[in-house]
Amino acid sequence: MSRLINKMTTNDQYYISLVIDGDTNAFSVLVDRYKDLVYTLALRMLKNREEAEEVSQDTFIKIYKSINKFKGDSKFSTWVYKVTYNTCLDRLKKNRKHFNDIPINEFTEHQVKTIDNALDSLEQEEYSKAIQECIALLPSEDAFLLTLYYFEELSLEEISKAVGLKANNVKVKIFRGRKKLATILREHLEPEIIESYERTGR
């Protein structure tokens, strides 16, 4: 797995070098590689397809204009997440939109783990669909962080670089986000899935 990631990182650097040397066509390769993810993250933050599309375009314009500043001390993908996150924050501030948090039931760590284990009983496709639909209902920052956590499988260190927060702070935010997600999952998943798991023991 690590070899694959290293190969991908090296491959990114190859195209980055071409772009810096003036090859604009090489940038389209990077856009194609990350456009779906950037759009998904923007949609998680902004909750609006049109704005997510606009922010995605703005993100790649910013990346193109400042690509020569990419130092390579972290993965290019992490830098892409960071630019996406900051561009989304700028848009939210500009629009002065405020999203109300969903009600949070008091969930213990054990109960959150119970939800995670229950999800393991779902087929992968059902799991992915259920998680994505429920994450979309979370407040902006929680949705962004958990998308990186669940679908990109980033480490706390990688996520902290992307959003400019300390790893411990990210850990707390992700845990709180998972508690909110657990609340939503309990409301949206088929009750028998949870009940079936609880009957078979923890």
N, C-alpha and C. Protein backbone atom coordinates (compact mmCIF):
# COMPACT_ATOMS: atom_id res chain seq x y z
N MET A 1 0.84 -1.21 0.00
CA MET A 1 0.00 0.00 0.00
C MET A 1 0.87 1.26 0.00
N SER A 2 1.93 1.24 0.89
CA SER A 2 2.80 2.40 0.99
C SER A 2 3.56 2.63 -0.31
N ARG A 3 3.90 1.51 -1.01
CA ARG A 3 4.58 1.65 -2.30
C ARG A 3 3.69 2.34 -3.32
N LEU A 4 2.40 1.97 -3.29
CA LEU A 4 1.43 2.56 -4.21
C LEU A 4 1.29 4.05 -3.96
N ILE A 5 1.22 4.42 -2.68
CA ILE A 5 1.11 5.84 -2.30
C ILE A 5 2.35 6.59 -2.73
N ASN A 6 3.53 6.00 -2.48
CA ASN A 6 4.78 6.66 -2.87
C ASN A 6 4.86 6.84 -4.38
N LYS A 7 4.38 5.82 -5.11
CA LYS A 7 4.39 5.90 -6.57
C LYS A 7 3.48 7.03 -7.05
N MET A 8 2.31 7.14 -6.41
CA MET A 8 1.34 8.18 -6.77
C MET A 8 1.92 9.56 -6.48
N THR A 9 2.58 9.69 -5.32
CA THR A 9 3.19 10.96 -4.93
C THR A 9 4.27 11.36 -5.92
N THR A 10 5.12 10.39 -6.29
CA THR A 10 6.18 10.64 -7.27
C THR A 10 5.57 11.04 -8.60
N ASN A 11 4.49 10.36 -8.98
CA ASN A 11 3.81 10.63 -10.23
C ASN A 11 3.24 12.05 -10.25
N ASP A 12 2.67 12.48 -9.14
CA ASP A 12 2.17 13.85 -9.01
C ASP A 12 3.32 14.83 -9.23
N GLN A 13 4.45 14.56 -8.59
CA GLN A 13 5.59 15.47 -8.68
C GLN A 13 6.08 15.62 -10.11
N TYR A 14 5.98 14.55 -10.89
CA TYR A 14 6.38 14.58 -12.30
C TYR A 14 5.55 15.62 -13.07
N TYR A 15 4.24 15.56 -12.87
CA TYR A 15 3.34 16.50 -13.57
C TYR A 15 3.47 17.91 -13.01
N ILE A 16 3.71 18.03 -11.72
CA ILE A 16 3.92 19.35 -11.11
C ILE A 16 5.13 20.03 -11.74
N SER A 17 6.19 19.26 -11.93
CA SER A 17 7.41 19.80 -12.55
C SER A 17 7.14 20.28 -13.97
N LEU A 18 6.33 19.51 -14.70
CA LEU A 18 5.99 19.90 -16.07
C LEU A 18 5.20 21.21 -16.09
N VAL A 19 4.26 21.33 -15.15
CA VAL A 19 3.45 22.55 -15.07
C VAL A 19 4.34 23.76 -14.77
N ILE A 20 5.23 23.60 -13.81
CA ILE A 20 6.15 24.69 -13.44
C ILE A 20 7.02 25.09 -14.63
N ASP A 21 7.35 24.10 -15.47
CA ASP A 21 8.17 24.37 -16.66
C ASP A 21 7.35 24.97 -17.81
N GLY A 22 6.04 25.18 -17.58
CA GLY A 22 5.21 25.84 -18.58
C GLY A 22 4.30 24.94 -19.39
N ASP A 23 4.25 23.65 -19.04
CA ASP A 23 3.38 22.72 -19.76
C ASP A 23 1.98 22.75 -19.15
N THR A 24 1.11 23.57 -19.71
CA THR A 24 -0.25 23.72 -19.15
C THR A 24 -1.09 22.45 -19.31
N ASN A 25 -0.79 21.65 -20.33
CA ASN A 25 -1.55 20.41 -20.53
C ASN A 25 -1.33 19.43 -19.37
N ALA A 26 -0.15 19.49 -18.77
CA ALA A 26 0.14 18.58 -17.65
C ALA A 26 -0.78 18.86 -16.46
N PHE A 27 -1.23 20.11 -16.34
CA PHE A 27 -2.11 20.46 -15.21
C PHE A 27 -3.45 19.76 -15.34
N SER A 28 -3.90 19.53 -16.56
CA SER A 28 -5.19 18.85 -16.77
C SER A 28 -5.16 17.43 -16.21
N VAL A 29 -3.97 16.82 -16.19
CA VAL A 29 -3.85 15.48 -15.61
C VAL A 29 -4.12 15.54 -14.11
N LEU A 30 -3.56 16.55 -13.45
CA LEU A 30 -3.77 16.71 -12.01
C LEU A 30 -5.23 17.06 -11.71
N VAL A 31 -5.82 17.89 -12.57
CA VAL A 31 -7.24 18.25 -12.40
C VAL A 31 -8.11 17.00 -12.50
N ASP A 32 -7.86 16.18 -13.52
CA ASP A 32 -8.65 14.96 -13.71
C ASP A 32 -8.49 14.02 -12.52
N ARG A 33 -7.31 14.01 -11.95
CA ARG A 33 -7.03 13.10 -10.83
C ARG A 33 -7.76 13.51 -9.56
N TYR A 34 -7.91 14.82 -9.34
CA TYR A 34 -8.45 15.29 -8.06
C TYR A 34 -9.80 16.00 -8.15
N LYS A 35 -10.34 16.20 -9.34
CA LYS A 35 -11.55 17.02 -9.48
C LYS A 35 -12.76 16.42 -8.74
N ASP A 36 -12.93 15.11 -8.80
CA ASP A 36 -14.09 14.49 -8.13
C ASP A 36 -14.00 14.67 -6.63
N LEU A 37 -12.80 14.47 -6.09
CA LEU A 37 -12.62 14.61 -4.65
C LEU A 37 -12.80 16.05 -4.20
N VAL A 38 -12.23 16.99 -4.94
CA VAL A 38 -12.37 18.41 -4.59
C VAL A 38 -13.84 18.81 -4.60
N TYR A 39 -14.57 18.36 -5.60
CA TYR A 39 -15.99 18.68 -5.68
C TYR A 39 -16.76 18.07 -4.50
N THR A 40 -16.45 16.83 -4.17
CA THR A 40 -17.12 16.15 -3.06
C THR A 40 -16.87 16.89 -1.74
N LEU A 41 -15.63 17.27 -1.51
CA LEU A 41 -15.29 17.99 -0.28
C LEU A 41 -15.99 19.35 -0.24
N ALA A 42 -16.00 20.05 -1.38
CA ALA A 42 -16.66 21.35 -1.45
C ALA A 42 -18.16 21.21 -1.19
N LEU A 43 -18.75 20.17 -1.73
CA LEU A 43 -20.19 19.93 -1.54
C LEU A 43 -20.48 19.63 -0.08
N ARG A 44 -19.59 18.89 0.58
CA ARG A 44 -19.76 18.60 2.01
C ARG A 44 -19.77 19.89 2.83
N MET A 45 -18.91 20.82 2.44
CA MET A 45 -18.78 22.07 3.20
C MET A 45 -19.91 23.04 2.90
N LEU A 46 -20.26 23.18 1.62
CA LEU A 46 -21.15 24.26 1.19
C LEU A 46 -22.62 23.86 1.06
N LYS A 47 -22.86 22.55 0.95
CA LYS A 47 -24.24 22.04 0.88
C LYS A 47 -25.01 22.58 -0.33
N ASN A 48 -24.31 22.95 -1.37
CA ASN A 48 -24.95 23.52 -2.55
C ASN A 48 -24.12 23.15 -3.78
N ARG A 49 -24.76 22.49 -4.76
CA ARG A 49 -24.02 21.96 -5.92
C ARG A 49 -23.39 23.07 -6.77
N GLU A 50 -24.15 24.13 -7.01
CA GLU A 50 -23.64 25.21 -7.85
C GLU A 50 -22.42 25.88 -7.20
N GLU A 51 -22.53 26.13 -5.90
CA GLU A 51 -21.40 26.76 -5.20
C GLU A 51 -20.22 25.80 -5.11
N ALA A 52 -20.50 24.52 -4.96
CA ALA A 52 -19.42 23.53 -4.91
C ALA A 52 -18.66 23.50 -6.24
N GLU A 53 -19.39 23.62 -7.34
CA GLU A 53 -18.75 23.66 -8.65
C GLU A 53 -17.88 24.90 -8.81
N GLU A 54 -18.40 26.05 -8.35
CA GLU A 54 -17.65 27.30 -8.44
C GLU A 54 -16.39 27.24 -7.59
N VAL A 55 -16.54 26.71 -6.37
CA VAL A 55 -15.39 26.62 -5.46
C VAL A 55 -14.36 25.63 -6.00
N SER A 56 -14.82 24.56 -6.64
CA SER A 56 -13.89 23.60 -7.25
C SER A 56 -13.05 24.30 -8.30
N GLN A 57 -13.69 25.11 -9.14
CA GLN A 57 -12.95 25.86 -10.17
C GLN A 57 -11.97 26.84 -9.52
N ASP A 58 -12.43 27.55 -8.51
CA ASP A 58 -11.57 28.50 -7.80
C ASP A 58 -10.36 27.79 -7.18
N THR A 59 -10.62 26.60 -6.63
CA THR A 59 -9.56 25.82 -5.99
C THR A 59 -8.45 25.48 -6.98
N PHE A 60 -8.84 25.00 -8.16
CA PHE A 60 -7.83 24.62 -9.15
C PHE A 60 -7.12 25.84 -9.75
N ILE A 61 -7.82 26.97 -9.82
CA ILE A 61 -7.16 28.21 -10.27
C ILE A 61 -6.08 28.60 -9.26
N LYS A 62 -6.42 28.52 -7.97
CA LYS A 62 -5.45 28.84 -6.92
C LYS A 62 -4.27 27.88 -6.95
N ILE A 63 -4.57 26.59 -7.13
CA ILE A 63 -3.50 25.58 -7.17
C ILE A 63 -2.58 25.85 -8.36
N TYR A 64 -3.15 26.18 -9.50
CA TYR A 64 -2.36 26.44 -10.70
C TYR A 64 -1.46 27.66 -10.51
N LYS A 65 -2.03 28.72 -9.93
CA LYS A 65 -1.28 29.97 -9.76
C LYS A 65 -0.16 29.85 -8.72
N SER A 66 -0.35 28.96 -7.76
CA SER A 66 0.65 28.87 -6.69
C SER A 66 1.37 27.53 -6.64
N ILE A 67 1.29 26.75 -7.72
CA ILE A 67 1.87 25.41 -7.71
C ILE A 67 3.39 25.44 -7.53
N ASN A 68 4.01 26.53 -7.94
CA ASN A 68 5.46 26.64 -7.76
C ASN A 68 5.85 26.82 -6.29
N LYS A 69 4.83 27.10 -5.43
CA LYS A 69 5.09 27.25 -4.00
C LYS A 69 4.99 25.91 -3.27
N PHE A 70 4.52 24.88 -3.98
CA PHE A 70 4.40 23.57 -3.35
C PHE A 70 5.80 23.03 -3.07
N LYS A 71 6.09 22.81 -1.78
CA LYS A 71 7.44 22.45 -1.36
C LYS A 71 7.72 20.95 -1.45
N GLY A 72 6.65 20.16 -1.48
CA GLY A 72 6.85 18.71 -1.53
C GLY A 72 7.17 18.10 -0.18
N ASP A 73 7.01 18.88 0.92
CA ASP A 73 7.27 18.33 2.25
C ASP A 73 6.09 17.51 2.77
N SER A 74 4.99 17.55 2.05
CA SER A 74 3.85 16.66 2.32
C SER A 74 3.33 16.20 0.97
N LYS A 75 2.38 15.26 0.99
CA LYS A 75 1.84 14.78 -0.28
C LYS A 75 1.06 15.89 -0.99
N PHE A 76 1.09 15.87 -2.31
CA PHE A 76 0.38 16.87 -3.10
C PHE A 76 -1.11 16.82 -2.77
N SER A 77 -1.64 15.61 -2.56
CA SER A 77 -3.07 15.47 -2.25
C SER A 77 -3.43 16.22 -0.97
N THR A 78 -2.53 16.19 0.03
CA THR A 78 -2.78 16.91 1.28
C THR A 78 -2.86 18.41 1.03
N TRP A 79 -2.00 18.89 0.15
CA TRP A 79 -2.01 20.32 -0.20
C TRP A 79 -3.30 20.67 -0.93
N VAL A 80 -3.76 19.78 -1.80
CA VAL A 80 -5.03 19.98 -2.51
C VAL A 80 -6.18 20.08 -1.51
N TYR A 81 -6.20 19.18 -0.51
CA TYR A 81 -7.25 19.24 0.52
C TYR A 81 -7.21 20.58 1.24
N LYS A 82 -5.99 21.05 1.54
CA LYS A 82 -5.83 22.30 2.28
C LYS A 82 -6.36 23.49 1.49
N VAL A 83 -6.02 23.56 0.20
CA VAL A 83 -6.50 24.66 -0.64
C VAL A 83 -8.02 24.59 -0.76
N THR A 84 -8.55 23.39 -0.91
CA THR A 84 -10.00 23.20 -1.00
C THR A 84 -10.69 23.70 0.26
N TYR A 85 -10.16 23.28 1.40
CA TYR A 85 -10.73 23.64 2.70
C TYR A 85 -10.74 25.16 2.88
N ASN A 86 -9.61 25.80 2.62
CA ASN A 86 -9.51 27.25 2.79
C ASN A 86 -10.40 28.01 1.81
N THR A 87 -10.53 27.51 0.59
CA THR A 87 -11.39 28.14 -0.40
C THR A 87 -12.86 28.04 0.03
N CYS A 88 -13.22 26.91 0.60
CA CYS A 88 -14.58 26.72 1.12
C CYS A 88 -14.85 27.67 2.28
N LEU A 89 -13.88 27.80 3.17
CA LEU A 89 -14.04 28.71 4.31
C LEU A 89 -14.23 30.14 3.83
N ASP A 90 -13.45 30.54 2.82
CA ASP A 90 -13.58 31.88 2.26
C ASP A 90 -14.98 32.11 1.70
N ARG A 91 -15.52 31.09 1.02
CA ARG A 91 -16.86 31.21 0.44
C ARG A 91 -17.91 31.30 1.55
N LEU A 92 -17.76 30.50 2.59
CA LEU A 92 -18.71 30.53 3.70
C LEU A 92 -18.71 31.90 4.39
N LYS A 93 -17.51 32.46 4.57
CA LYS A 93 -17.40 33.78 5.20
C LYS A 93 -18.02 34.85 4.30
N LYS A 94 -17.77 34.71 3.01
CA LYS A 94 -18.30 35.68 2.05
C LYS A 94 -19.82 35.67 2.04
N ASN A 95 -20.38 34.49 2.09
CA ASN A 95 -21.84 34.36 2.07
C ASN A 95 -22.47 34.55 3.45
N ARG A 96 -21.60 34.57 4.45
CA ARG A 96 -22.07 34.70 5.84
C ARG A 96 -23.14 33.68 6.17
N LYS A 97 -22.86 32.46 5.74
CA LYS A 97 -23.82 31.40 6.02
C LYS A 97 -23.45 30.72 7.34
N HIS A 98 -24.46 30.42 8.10
CA HIS A 98 -24.23 29.72 9.36
C HIS A 98 -25.17 28.52 9.41
N PHE A 99 -24.58 27.39 9.66
CA PHE A 99 -25.40 26.17 9.71
C PHE A 99 -25.57 25.76 11.17
N ASN A 100 -26.79 25.49 11.54
CA ASN A 100 -27.07 25.04 12.90
C ASN A 100 -26.62 23.60 13.07
N ASP A 101 -26.01 23.35 14.21
CA ASP A 101 -25.60 21.98 14.50
C ASP A 101 -26.84 21.12 14.72
N ILE A 102 -26.74 19.85 14.35
CA ILE A 102 -27.84 18.94 14.64
C ILE A 102 -27.81 18.63 16.13
N PRO A 103 -28.95 18.24 16.70
CA PRO A 103 -28.95 17.89 18.12
C PRO A 103 -28.01 16.71 18.36
N ILE A 104 -27.26 16.77 19.44
CA ILE A 104 -26.33 15.68 19.74
C ILE A 104 -26.80 14.95 20.98
N ASN A 105 -27.06 13.66 20.81
CA ASN A 105 -27.34 12.84 21.98
C ASN A 105 -26.01 12.51 22.64
N GLU A 106 -26.01 12.29 23.93
CA GLU A 106 -24.77 11.96 24.61
C GLU A 106 -24.41 10.51 24.31
N PHE A 107 -23.41 10.35 23.47
CA PHE A 107 -22.95 9.01 23.12
C PHE A 107 -21.61 8.74 23.78
N THR A 108 -21.47 7.58 24.39
CA THR A 108 -20.18 7.21 24.94
C THR A 108 -19.33 6.65 23.81
N GLU A 109 -18.03 6.53 24.07
CA GLU A 109 -17.13 5.99 23.06
C GLU A 109 -17.55 4.57 22.70
N HIS A 110 -18.02 3.82 23.69
CA HIS A 110 -18.47 2.44 23.44
C HIS A 110 -19.64 2.42 22.46
N GLN A 111 -20.57 3.35 22.61
CA GLN A 111 -21.74 3.38 21.73
C GLN A 111 -21.36 3.76 20.31
N VAL A 112 -20.38 4.68 20.17
CA VAL A 112 -19.90 5.03 18.84
C VAL A 112 -19.27 3.81 18.19
N LYS A 113 -18.51 3.05 18.97
CA LYS A 113 -17.86 1.84 18.45
C LYS A 113 -18.92 0.82 18.04
N THR A 114 -20.01 0.76 18.79
CA THR A 114 -21.10 -0.14 18.46
C THR A 114 -21.68 0.16 17.08
N ILE A 115 -21.82 1.46 16.77
CA ILE A 115 -22.32 1.87 15.46
C ILE A 115 -21.34 1.44 14.38
N ASP A 116 -20.04 1.67 14.62
CA ASP A 116 -19.02 1.29 13.65
C ASP A 116 -19.07 -0.21 13.38
N ASN A 117 -19.21 -0.99 14.42
CA ASN A 117 -19.24 -2.45 14.27
C ASN A 117 -20.50 -2.89 13.53
N ALA A 118 -21.60 -2.22 13.81
CA ALA A 118 -22.85 -2.55 13.13
C ALA A 118 -22.71 -2.30 11.63
N LEU A 119 -22.02 -1.22 11.28
CA LEU A 119 -21.82 -0.89 9.87
C LEU A 119 -20.99 -1.95 9.16
N ASP A 120 -20.13 -2.63 9.92
CA ASP A 120 -19.30 -3.66 9.31
C ASP A 120 -20.14 -4.79 8.73
N SER A 121 -21.38 -4.94 9.23
CA SER A 121 -22.25 -6.01 8.76
C SER A 121 -22.91 -5.67 7.42
N LEU A 122 -22.78 -4.42 6.99
CA LEU A 122 -23.35 -4.02 5.71
C LEU A 122 -22.41 -4.39 4.57
N GLU A 123 -22.97 -4.62 3.40
CA GLU A 123 -22.13 -4.79 2.22
C GLU A 123 -21.39 -3.48 1.97
N GLN A 124 -20.20 -3.57 1.34
CA GLN A 124 -19.37 -2.39 1.15
C GLN A 124 -20.12 -1.27 0.44
N GLU A 125 -20.88 -1.63 -0.60
CA GLU A 125 -21.60 -0.61 -1.37
C GLU A 125 -22.66 0.06 -0.51
N GLU A 126 -23.37 -0.73 0.29
CA GLU A 126 -24.40 -0.18 1.16
C GLU A 126 -23.77 0.70 2.24
N TYR A 127 -22.63 0.24 2.76
CA TYR A 127 -21.90 0.98 3.79
C TYR A 127 -21.51 2.36 3.25
N SER A 128 -20.90 2.35 2.07
CA SER A 128 -20.44 3.59 1.47
C SER A 128 -21.59 4.55 1.23
N LYS A 129 -22.69 4.03 0.69
CA LYS A 129 -23.86 4.86 0.38
C LYS A 129 -24.46 5.43 1.67
N ALA A 130 -24.60 4.58 2.69
CA ALA A 130 -25.19 5.02 3.96
C ALA A 130 -24.35 6.10 4.61
N ILE A 131 -23.04 5.89 4.64
CA ILE A 131 -22.14 6.86 5.26
C ILE A 131 -22.18 8.18 4.50
N GLN A 132 -22.10 8.12 3.17
CA GLN A 132 -22.08 9.35 2.37
C GLN A 132 -23.35 10.16 2.56
N GLU A 133 -24.49 9.49 2.55
CA GLU A 133 -25.76 10.19 2.70
C GLU A 133 -25.85 10.85 4.08
N CYS A 134 -25.37 10.15 5.10
CA CYS A 134 -25.46 10.69 6.46
C CYS A 134 -24.42 11.77 6.73
N ILE A 135 -23.22 11.61 6.17
CA ILE A 135 -22.18 12.64 6.32
C ILE A 135 -22.65 13.94 5.69
N ALA A 136 -23.38 13.83 4.59
CA ALA A 136 -23.87 15.04 3.90
C ALA A 136 -24.80 15.86 4.78
N LEU A 137 -25.38 15.24 5.81
CA LEU A 137 -26.30 15.94 6.71
C LEU A 137 -25.58 16.64 7.87
N LEU A 138 -24.30 16.40 8.00
CA LEU A 138 -23.52 16.99 9.08
C LEU A 138 -23.19 18.46 8.79
N PRO A 139 -22.88 19.23 9.85
CA PRO A 139 -22.38 20.59 9.63
C PRO A 139 -21.12 20.57 8.78
N SER A 140 -20.80 21.70 8.16
CA SER A 140 -19.76 21.79 7.14
C SER A 140 -18.42 21.18 7.53
N GLU A 141 -17.83 21.65 8.62
CA GLU A 141 -16.48 21.19 8.98
C GLU A 141 -16.48 19.71 9.32
N ASP A 142 -17.50 19.26 10.05
CA ASP A 142 -17.58 17.84 10.41
C ASP A 142 -17.65 16.97 9.15
N ALA A 143 -18.45 17.41 8.18
CA ALA A 143 -18.60 16.65 6.94
C ALA A 143 -17.27 16.57 6.19
N PHE A 144 -16.54 17.66 6.16
CA PHE A 144 -15.24 17.71 5.48
C PHE A 144 -14.25 16.75 6.15
N LEU A 145 -14.13 16.85 7.47
CA LEU A 145 -13.18 16.03 8.21
C LEU A 145 -13.50 14.54 8.10
N LEU A 146 -14.78 14.18 8.23
CA LEU A 146 -15.13 12.78 8.19
C LEU A 146 -15.04 12.19 6.79
N THR A 147 -15.16 13.03 5.76
CA THR A 147 -14.94 12.54 4.40
C THR A 147 -13.48 12.14 4.24
N LEU A 148 -12.57 12.95 4.75
CA LEU A 148 -11.15 12.60 4.71
C LEU A 148 -10.88 11.37 5.58
N TYR A 149 -11.56 11.28 6.71
CA TYR A 149 -11.33 10.20 7.68
C TYR A 149 -11.85 8.84 7.16
N TYR A 150 -13.08 8.84 6.67
CA TYR A 150 -13.69 7.58 6.24
C TYR A 150 -13.32 7.16 4.81
N PHE A 151 -13.31 8.12 3.88
CA PHE A 151 -13.17 7.76 2.47
C PHE A 151 -11.76 7.91 1.92
N GLU A 152 -11.02 8.88 2.43
CA GLU A 152 -9.63 9.03 1.98
C GLU A 152 -8.67 8.31 2.91
N GLU A 153 -9.20 7.89 4.08
CA GLU A 153 -8.43 7.15 5.08
C GLU A 153 -7.13 7.86 5.44
N LEU A 154 -7.23 9.18 5.60
CA LEU A 154 -6.07 9.97 5.99
C LEU A 154 -5.79 9.78 7.47
N SER A 155 -4.51 9.91 7.83
CA SER A 155 -4.13 9.85 9.25
C SER A 155 -4.48 11.19 9.89
N LEU A 156 -4.49 11.21 11.22
CA LEU A 156 -4.77 12.46 11.94
C LEU A 156 -3.74 13.52 11.56
N GLU A 157 -2.49 13.09 11.38
CA GLU A 157 -1.42 14.02 11.02
C GLU A 157 -1.67 14.65 9.65
N GLU A 158 -2.11 13.82 8.70
CA GLU A 158 -2.38 14.32 7.35
C GLU A 158 -3.57 15.28 7.35
N ILE A 159 -4.61 14.92 8.11
CA ILE A 159 -5.79 15.79 8.18
C ILE A 159 -5.42 17.11 8.85
N SER A 160 -4.58 17.04 9.89
CA SER A 160 -4.19 18.27 10.59
C SER A 160 -3.44 19.21 9.66
N LYS A 161 -2.63 18.67 8.76
CA LYS A 161 -1.91 19.51 7.79
C LYS A 161 -2.90 20.15 6.80
N ALA A 162 -3.92 19.38 6.44
CA ALA A 162 -4.88 19.87 5.45
C ALA A 162 -5.73 21.02 5.99
N VAL A 163 -6.07 20.96 7.28
CA VAL A 163 -6.97 21.97 7.83
C VAL A 163 -6.29 22.96 8.76
N GLY A 164 -4.97 22.79 8.95
CA GLY A 164 -4.21 23.74 9.75
C GLY A 164 -4.51 23.70 11.24
N LEU A 165 -4.80 22.51 11.76
CA LEU A 165 -5.05 22.35 13.19
C LEU A 165 -4.11 21.30 13.76
N LYS A 166 -3.90 21.34 15.08
CA LYS A 166 -3.06 20.32 15.71
C LYS A 166 -3.75 18.97 15.66
N ALA A 167 -2.95 17.91 15.59
CA ALA A 167 -3.50 16.55 15.47
C ALA A 167 -4.47 16.22 16.60
N ASN A 168 -4.14 16.65 17.83
CA ASN A 168 -5.03 16.37 18.97
C ASN A 168 -6.38 17.08 18.81
N ASN A 169 -6.33 18.30 18.27
CA ASN A 169 -7.56 19.06 18.03
C ASN A 169 -8.41 18.36 16.98
N VAL A 170 -7.74 17.87 15.92
CA VAL A 170 -8.43 17.13 14.87
C VAL A 170 -9.07 15.87 15.44
N LYS A 171 -8.34 15.19 16.32
CA LYS A 171 -8.85 13.96 16.95
C LYS A 171 -10.14 14.23 17.70
N VAL A 172 -10.16 15.32 18.46
CA VAL A 172 -11.36 15.70 19.22
C VAL A 172 -12.52 16.03 18.28
N LYS A 173 -12.23 16.81 17.23
CA LYS A 173 -13.26 17.20 16.27
C LYS A 173 -13.84 15.99 15.56
N ILE A 174 -12.97 15.05 15.19
CA ILE A 174 -13.43 13.84 14.49
C ILE A 174 -14.30 13.00 15.42
N PHE A 175 -13.89 12.88 16.68
CA PHE A 175 -14.69 12.09 17.61
C PHE A 175 -16.06 12.72 17.82
N ARG A 176 -16.09 14.04 17.96
CA ARG A 176 -17.38 14.73 18.10
C ARG A 176 -18.22 14.58 16.83
N GLY A 177 -17.54 14.65 15.69
CA GLY A 177 -18.24 14.46 14.41
C GLY A 177 -18.82 13.06 14.31
N ARG A 178 -18.07 12.08 14.80
CA ARG A 178 -18.55 10.70 14.77
C ARG A 178 -19.75 10.52 15.70
N LYS A 179 -19.77 11.27 16.80
CA LYS A 179 -20.94 11.20 17.68
C LYS A 179 -22.18 11.75 16.97
N LYS A 180 -21.99 12.87 16.26
CA LYS A 180 -23.11 13.42 15.50
C LYS A 180 -23.54 12.45 14.40
N LEU A 181 -22.53 11.84 13.75
CA LEU A 181 -22.82 10.88 12.69
C LEU A 181 -23.58 9.68 13.25
N ALA A 182 -23.18 9.25 14.44
CA ALA A 182 -23.86 8.12 15.07
C ALA A 182 -25.34 8.44 15.31
N THR A 183 -25.61 9.68 15.71
CA THR A 183 -26.99 10.11 15.92
C THR A 183 -27.78 10.01 14.62
N ILE A 184 -27.18 10.50 13.54
CA ILE A 184 -27.85 10.48 12.24
C ILE A 184 -28.03 9.04 11.74
N LEU A 185 -26.99 8.23 11.91
CA LEU A 185 -27.05 6.84 11.44
C LEU A 185 -28.16 6.07 12.14
N ARG A 186 -28.31 6.32 13.43
CA ARG A 186 -29.36 5.62 14.18
C ARG A 186 -30.75 5.99 13.66
N GLU A 187 -30.86 7.20 13.11
CA GLU A 187 -32.16 7.64 12.59
C GLU A 187 -32.41 7.15 11.16
N HIS A 188 -31.30 6.93 10.40
CA HIS A 188 -31.46 6.63 8.98
C HIS A 188 -31.24 5.17 8.59
N LEU A 189 -30.39 4.47 9.35
CA LEU A 189 -30.16 3.07 9.01
C LEU A 189 -31.39 2.24 9.39
N GLU A 190 -31.53 1.13 8.69
CA GLU A 190 -32.63 0.23 9.02
C GLU A 190 -32.49 -0.19 10.49
N PRO A 191 -33.53 -0.01 11.29
CA PRO A 191 -33.44 -0.33 12.72
C PRO A 191 -33.00 -1.77 12.98
N GLU A 192 -33.41 -2.69 12.10
CA GLU A 192 -33.07 -4.09 12.35
C GLU A 192 -31.57 -4.36 12.27
N ILE A 193 -30.84 -3.50 11.52
CA ILE A 193 -29.39 -3.69 11.44
C ILE A 193 -28.77 -3.45 12.80
N ILE A 194 -29.18 -2.35 13.44
CA ILE A 194 -28.67 -2.03 14.78
C ILE A 194 -29.15 -3.08 15.78
N GLU A 195 -30.46 -3.40 15.71
CA GLU A 195 -31.03 -4.35 16.66
C GLU A 195 -30.38 -5.72 16.52
N SER A 196 -30.15 -6.12 15.28
CA SER A 196 -29.54 -7.43 15.02
C SER A 196 -28.16 -7.49 15.65
N TYR A 197 -27.41 -6.40 15.50
CA TYR A 197 -26.07 -6.38 16.08
C TYR A 197 -26.12 -6.43 17.60
N GLU A 198 -27.04 -5.63 18.16
CA GLU A 198 -27.12 -5.56 19.61
C GLU A 198 -27.56 -6.89 20.22
N ARG A 199 -28.38 -7.66 19.45
CA ARG A 199 -28.82 -8.97 19.95
C ARG A 199 -27.67 -9.97 19.98
N THR A 200 -26.74 -9.83 18.99
CA THR A 200 -25.66 -10.80 18.89
C THR A 200 -24.51 -10.49 19.84
N GLY A 201 -24.64 -9.41 20.59
CA GLY A 201 -23.64 -9.07 21.58
C GLY A 201 -22.60 -8.10 21.08
N ARG A 202 -21.91 -7.45 21.99
CA ARG A 202 -20.91 -6.45 21.65
C ARG A 202 -19.53 -7.04 21.76
